[in-house]
């Protein structure tokens, strides 16, 4: 099982997020952030759906994780790395090239344990 974090404003049609299994919603300013559940068997399909629905030519990403792996999803590129932050540099560098602010490239949360606190801090 993976969980993914998806921002509504990153999607061409934000209502498409509701086609996924949403387990939590967080409001952060004007953004609505969704926690989405992904079955291991469908992770590649969901990544593809997320990429297809992301706004083109805009600096957005989504990320999916289990307790060992982190998948960072940009419109035109996917990084599969460990949940250990020492492995994140390639994804961070790519995000910076897209002009995503460094403080937004923290890929939080990256574990099931941390997501509870992440979504409770609404």
Foldseek 3Di string as FASTA:
>chain_A
DKKKKDKQVQFPHSVVVVVFAWDAWADDPPIIITIGDDDPVCPVVVLVVSLVGGDPLALDWMWMAEQFWIWIHDNVDIDIFTQPVVTCVVVLVVSVVSVDDSVVSPNPPHYPVRVVVVRVVD
